[in-house]
Protein backbone atom coordinates (compact mmCIF):
# COMPACT_ATOMS: atom_id res chain seq x y z
CA MET A 1 54.13 -82.20 -3.75
CA ALA A 2 55.65 -80.73 -6.89
CA VAL A 3 55.58 -82.72 -10.10
CA THR A 4 58.85 -84.34 -11.20
CA PRO A 5 59.91 -86.09 -14.40
CA ALA A 6 59.58 -89.38 -12.46
CA ASP A 7 55.88 -88.59 -11.86
CA VAL A 8 55.36 -87.95 -15.58
CA ALA A 9 57.13 -91.21 -16.44
CA ALA A 10 54.91 -93.10 -13.98
CA THR A 11 51.84 -91.60 -15.66
CA LEU A 12 53.13 -92.79 -19.02
CA GLY A 13 54.04 -96.22 -17.65
CA ARG A 14 57.66 -96.00 -18.70
CA PRO A 15 61.04 -95.63 -16.99
CA ALA A 16 61.97 -92.17 -15.80
CA PRO A 17 64.67 -90.37 -17.76
CA ALA A 18 68.11 -90.35 -16.15
CA ASP A 19 68.90 -87.30 -14.04
CA GLY A 20 70.69 -84.72 -16.16
CA SER A 21 69.74 -86.34 -19.48
CA ALA A 22 68.36 -84.16 -22.25
CA GLU A 23 64.90 -85.66 -21.77
CA PHE A 24 65.02 -85.06 -17.99
CA VAL A 25 66.01 -81.42 -18.50
CA GLN A 26 63.33 -80.99 -21.17
CA TRP A 27 60.55 -82.43 -18.99
CA THR A 28 61.68 -80.32 -16.02
CA MET A 29 61.54 -77.20 -18.21
CA TRP A 30 58.06 -78.13 -19.49
CA ILE A 31 56.84 -78.62 -15.90
CA GLY A 32 58.06 -75.12 -15.05
CA ASP A 33 56.42 -73.71 -18.18
CA VAL A 34 53.01 -75.21 -17.32
CA ARG A 35 53.22 -73.94 -13.74
CA ARG A 36 54.10 -70.49 -15.12
CA LYS A 37 51.08 -70.56 -17.47
CA ILE A 38 48.79 -71.39 -14.59
CA LYS A 39 50.37 -68.72 -12.38
CA ASN A 40 50.00 -66.09 -15.11
CA ARG A 41 46.31 -66.88 -15.46
CA LEU A 42 45.28 -67.66 -11.88
CA GLY A 43 47.85 -65.91 -9.70
CA ASP A 44 49.57 -67.34 -6.64
CA LEU A 45 49.93 -71.12 -6.99
CA ALA A 46 49.90 -71.51 -3.20
CA ALA A 47 46.24 -70.38 -3.22
CA LEU A 48 45.27 -73.35 -5.42
CA ASP A 49 44.46 -76.89 -4.37
CA GLN A 50 47.91 -78.51 -4.63
CA ASP A 51 46.71 -82.03 -5.48
CA THR A 52 44.64 -80.70 -8.38
CA LEU A 53 47.48 -78.46 -9.52
CA ASP A 54 49.88 -81.43 -9.56
CA TYR A 55 47.36 -83.54 -11.47
CA VAL A 56 46.89 -80.88 -14.15
CA VAL A 57 50.64 -80.30 -14.53
CA ARG A 58 51.44 -84.04 -14.65
CA GLU A 59 48.72 -84.86 -17.18
CA THR A 60 49.59 -81.86 -19.37
CA ILE A 61 53.25 -82.87 -19.55
CA ALA A 62 52.41 -86.54 -20.14
CA SER A 63 50.14 -85.49 -23.01
CA ARG A 64 52.88 -83.35 -24.53
CA VAL A 65 55.42 -86.15 -24.27
CA GLU A 66 53.05 -88.52 -26.04
CA LYS A 67 52.29 -85.99 -28.77
CA SER A 68 55.95 -85.15 -29.33
CA ARG A 69 56.70 -88.71 -30.41
CA ALA A 70 56.66 -88.93 -34.17
CA SER A 71 54.87 -91.89 -35.67
CA SER A 72 54.59 -93.21 -39.18
CA THR A 73 52.57 -95.73 -41.11
CA THR A 74 53.95 -97.60 -44.11
CA VAL A 75 51.78 -99.47 -46.60
CA THR A 76 53.33 -101.63 -49.28
CA VAL A 77 51.36 -103.04 -52.19
CA ASP A 78 53.21 -104.91 -54.92
CA ASP A 79 56.03 -102.60 -55.99
CA GLY A 80 54.63 -99.43 -54.39
CA THR A 81 55.22 -98.12 -50.88
CA VAL A 82 53.51 -95.19 -49.19
CA THR A 83 54.66 -93.80 -45.85
CA HIS A 84 52.64 -91.29 -43.83
CA ARG A 85 54.53 -89.49 -41.07
CA TYR A 86 52.59 -87.86 -38.23
CA GLU A 87 53.94 -85.23 -35.88
CA THR A 88 51.34 -83.65 -33.64
CA ASP A 89 53.44 -81.61 -31.25
CA SER A 90 52.07 -78.08 -31.13
CA GLY A 91 55.33 -76.71 -29.76
CA ALA A 92 53.82 -75.85 -26.39
CA ALA A 93 52.15 -77.67 -23.56
CA ALA A 94 48.43 -77.05 -23.85
CA LEU A 95 46.20 -77.25 -20.80
CA ASP A 96 42.85 -78.88 -21.37
CA ASP A 97 40.07 -76.25 -21.40
CA ASP A 98 38.02 -78.28 -18.92
CA TRP A 99 40.78 -78.01 -16.31
CA TRP A 100 40.54 -74.22 -16.18
CA GLY A 101 36.94 -74.55 -14.99
CA TRP A 102 37.64 -76.89 -12.08
CA ALA A 103 36.70 -75.32 -8.77
CA GLU A 104 39.83 -76.78 -7.18
CA LEU A 105 42.00 -74.95 -9.71
CA THR A 106 40.29 -71.64 -8.99
CA PRO A 107 42.09 -69.43 -6.49
CA LYS A 108 40.42 -69.15 -3.12
CA VAL A 109 39.19 -65.61 -2.57
CA ASP A 110 38.13 -63.65 0.49
CA THR A 111 34.40 -64.19 1.00
CA ASP A 112 33.97 -60.69 2.47
CA ALA A 113 34.48 -59.09 -0.92
CA LEU A 114 31.60 -57.11 -2.40
CA SER A 115 30.34 -57.30 -5.92
CA THR A 116 28.12 -55.05 -7.96
CA ARG A 117 25.92 -55.72 -10.93
CA PRO A 118 26.34 -53.33 -13.85
CA GLY A 119 23.17 -51.47 -14.62
CA PHE A 120 21.70 -48.34 -16.08
CA ALA A 121 18.63 -46.20 -15.68
CA PRO A 122 15.90 -46.74 -18.28
CA ASP A 123 15.51 -44.13 -20.98
CA GLN A 124 13.11 -41.30 -20.15
CA ASP A 125 10.31 -40.37 -22.52
CA TRP A 126 10.46 -36.60 -22.84
CA GLY A 127 7.42 -36.48 -25.07
CA TRP A 128 9.25 -35.14 -28.08
CA ARG A 129 8.12 -36.51 -31.35
CA CYS A 130 9.78 -36.08 -34.73
């Protein structure tokens, strides 16, 4: 199953954006961007656990949608008013560092592969003294 804007909306507990709306197009683009980031780092997406991949993509996009909403706080005392405006969108969907370490998000590799441990020979004492 590939993640859709409707899946992201369900995660957020809100109605899905209308097909073709600016928000729908934006979320669809962000979904593609996150999948591309994962592919660039881990390779073929088909080699990954698809349920875990969908979870990571869906949660990443939901987090970005929540962060892209601007919020403000206004405090009024007597004749004075102070408004603090918060915008936390980093401009890119950021995958949680913990997700990269999940075994299910690690590509499956051929178990017949060999590995070597780097090593070196110990220094020889030639008996020379300075």
